[in-house]
């Protein structure tokens, strides 16, 4: 039984979370995919383990720098 003061809320993502997730997962995945495509096109050996540090480094940079910075700039432009 629900209390009559209970108000249903929609579960939504915070506004900055999709931006940060795209910079943390989407952009590094695109960089890795293009890097693998370039290496394949040049005829180099593709070892999946060698791409892990590049993915983790770009994901960390996206999480720490690019995502929050992009969100802050977007938020400032929106308030002007």
C-alpha atoms as a PDB file:
ATOM      1  CA  UNK A   1       0.000   0.000   0.000  1.00  0.00           C
ATOM      2  CA  UNK A   2       1.376   3.371  -0.979  1.00  0.00           C
ATOM      3  CA  UNK A   3       1.326   6.355   1.233  1.00  0.00           C
ATOM      4  CA  UNK A   4      -0.769   9.153  -0.257  1.00  0.00           C
ATOM      5  CA  UNK A   5       2.192  11.569  -0.015  1.00  0.00           C
ATOM      6  CA  UNK A   6       4.291   9.210  -2.131  1.00  0.00           C
ATOM      7  CA  UNK A   7       5.046  10.691  -5.504  1.00  0.00           C
ATOM      8  CA  UNK A   8       6.283   8.531  -8.335  1.00  0.00           C
ATOM      9  CA  UNK A   9       9.496   9.736  -9.899  1.00  0.00           C
ATOM     10  CA  UNK A  10      10.859   8.923 -13.286  1.00  0.00           C
ATOM     11  CA  UNK A  11      14.362   7.576 -13.184  1.00  0.00           C
ATOM     12  CA  UNK A  12      16.477   9.693 -15.514  1.00  0.00           C
ATOM     13  CA  UNK A  13      20.179  10.095 -16.011  1.00  0.00           C
ATOM     14  CA  UNK A  14      21.806  13.255 -14.727  1.00  0.00           C
ATOM     15  CA  UNK A  15      22.397  15.717 -17.543  1.00  0.00           C
ATOM     16  CA  UNK A  16      26.184  15.407 -17.492  1.00  0.00           C
ATOM     17  CA  UNK A  17      26.352  11.633 -17.350  1.00  0.00           C
ATOM     18  CA  UNK A  18      25.698  10.907 -21.070  1.00  0.00           C
ATOM     19  CA  UNK A  19      28.360  13.435 -22.045  1.00  0.00           C
ATOM     20  CA  UNK A  20      30.915  11.960 -19.652  1.00  0.00           C
ATOM     21  CA  UNK A  21      30.057   8.411 -20.743  1.00  0.00           C
ATOM     22  CA  UNK A  22      30.466   9.298 -24.397  1.00  0.00           C
ATOM     23  CA  UNK A  23      33.893  10.778 -23.707  1.00  0.00           C
ATOM     24  CA  UNK A  24      34.827   7.800 -21.528  1.00  0.00           C
ATOM     25  CA  UNK A  25      33.567   4.920 -23.685  1.00  0.00           C
ATOM     26  CA  UNK A  26      32.472   6.185 -27.107  1.00  0.00           C
ATOM     27  CA  UNK A  27      35.430   8.321 -28.141  1.00  0.00           C
ATOM     28  CA  UNK A  28      38.109   5.835 -26.959  1.00  0.00           C
ATOM     29  CA  UNK A  29      36.298   3.001 -28.770  1.00  0.00           C
ATOM     30  CA  UNK A  30      36.253   5.073 -31.969  1.00  0.00           C
ATOM     31  CA  UNK A  31      39.966   5.854 -31.581  1.00  0.00           C
ATOM     32  CA  UNK A  32      40.817   2.180 -31.021  1.00  0.00           C
ATOM     33  CA  UNK A  33      38.688   1.095 -33.984  1.00  0.00           C
ATOM     34  CA  UNK A  34      40.380   3.586 -36.289  1.00  0.00           C
ATOM     35  CA  UNK A  35      43.808   2.618 -34.963  1.00  0.00           C
ATOM     36  CA  UNK A  36      43.108  -1.077 -35.616  1.00  0.00           C
ATOM     37  CA  UNK A  37      41.846  -0.207 -39.103  1.00  0.00           C
ATOM     38  CA  UNK A  38      45.005   1.780 -39.859  1.00  0.00           C
ATOM     39  CA  UNK A  39      47.246  -1.010 -38.552  1.00  0.00           C
ATOM     40  CA  UNK A  40      45.330  -3.586 -40.589  1.00  0.00           C
ATOM     41  CA  UNK A  41      45.539  -1.404 -43.689  1.00  0.00           C
ATOM     42  CA  UNK A  42      49.300  -1.049 -43.270  1.00  0.00           C
ATOM     43  CA  UNK A  43      49.669  -4.811 -42.902  1.00  0.00           C
ATOM     44  CA  UNK A  44      50.901  -4.737 -39.321  1.00  0.00           C
ATOM     45  CA  UNK A  45      50.278  -7.503 -36.788  1.00  0.00           C
ATOM     46  CA  UNK A  46      47.190  -6.863 -34.699  1.00  0.00           C
ATOM     47  CA  UNK A  47      47.629  -7.940 -31.092  1.00  0.00           C
ATOM     48  CA  UNK A  48      44.600  -7.049 -29.005  1.00  0.00           C
ATOM     49  CA  UNK A  49      46.603  -6.765 -25.819  1.00  0.00           C
ATOM     50  CA  UNK A  50      48.665  -3.913 -27.258  1.00  0.00           C
ATOM     51  CA  UNK A  51      45.535  -1.760 -27.670  1.00  0.00           C
ATOM     52  CA  UNK A  52      44.410  -2.065 -24.040  1.00  0.00           C
ATOM     53  CA  UNK A  53      46.773   0.636 -22.666  1.00  0.00           C
ATOM     54  CA  UNK A  54      45.680   3.055 -25.405  1.00  0.00           C
ATOM     55  CA  UNK A  55      42.010   2.417 -24.644  1.00  0.00           C
ATOM     56  CA  UNK A  56      42.480   2.763 -20.884  1.00  0.00           C
ATOM     57  CA  UNK A  57      44.551   5.915 -21.276  1.00  0.00           C
ATOM     58  CA  UNK A  58      42.045   7.646 -23.519  1.00  0.00           C
ATOM     59  CA  UNK A  59      39.165   6.476 -21.300  1.00  0.00           C
ATOM     60  CA  UNK A  60      40.881   7.889 -18.209  1.00  0.00           C
ATOM     61  CA  UNK A  61      41.565  11.164 -20.002  1.00  0.00           C
ATOM     62  CA  UNK A  62      37.935  11.326 -21.097  1.00  0.00           C
ATOM     63  CA  UNK A  63      36.709  10.601 -17.591  1.00  0.00           C
ATOM     64  CA  UNK A  64      39.001  13.059 -15.844  1.00  0.00           C
ATOM     65  CA  UNK A  65      39.403  15.894 -18.342  1.00  0.00           C
ATOM     66  CA  UNK A  66      37.268  15.902 -21.466  1.00  0.00           C
ATOM     67  CA  UNK A  67      33.874  14.821 -20.111  1.00  0.00           C
ATOM     68  CA  UNK A  68      33.600  17.237 -17.170  1.00  0.00           C
ATOM     69  CA  UNK A  69      35.173  20.045 -19.189  1.00  0.00           C
ATOM     70  CA  UNK A  70      32.732  19.545 -22.053  1.00  0.00           C
ATOM     71  CA  UNK A  71      29.819  19.468 -19.605  1.00  0.00           C
ATOM     72  CA  UNK A  72      30.998  22.649 -17.846  1.00  0.00           C
ATOM     73  CA  UNK A  73      31.399  24.551 -21.108  1.00  0.00           C
ATOM     74  CA  UNK A  74      27.983  23.368 -22.333  1.00  0.00           C
ATOM     75  CA  UNK A  75      26.415  24.328 -18.998  1.00  0.00           C
ATOM     76  CA  UNK A  76      28.000  27.808 -19.096  1.00  0.00           C
ATOM     77  CA  UNK A  77      26.829  28.410 -22.675  1.00  0.00           C
ATOM     78  CA  UNK A  78      23.330  27.310 -21.727  1.00  0.00           C
ATOM     79  CA  UNK A  79      23.171  29.800 -18.831  1.00  0.00           C
ATOM     80  CA  UNK A  80      24.232  32.801 -20.944  1.00  0.00           C
END
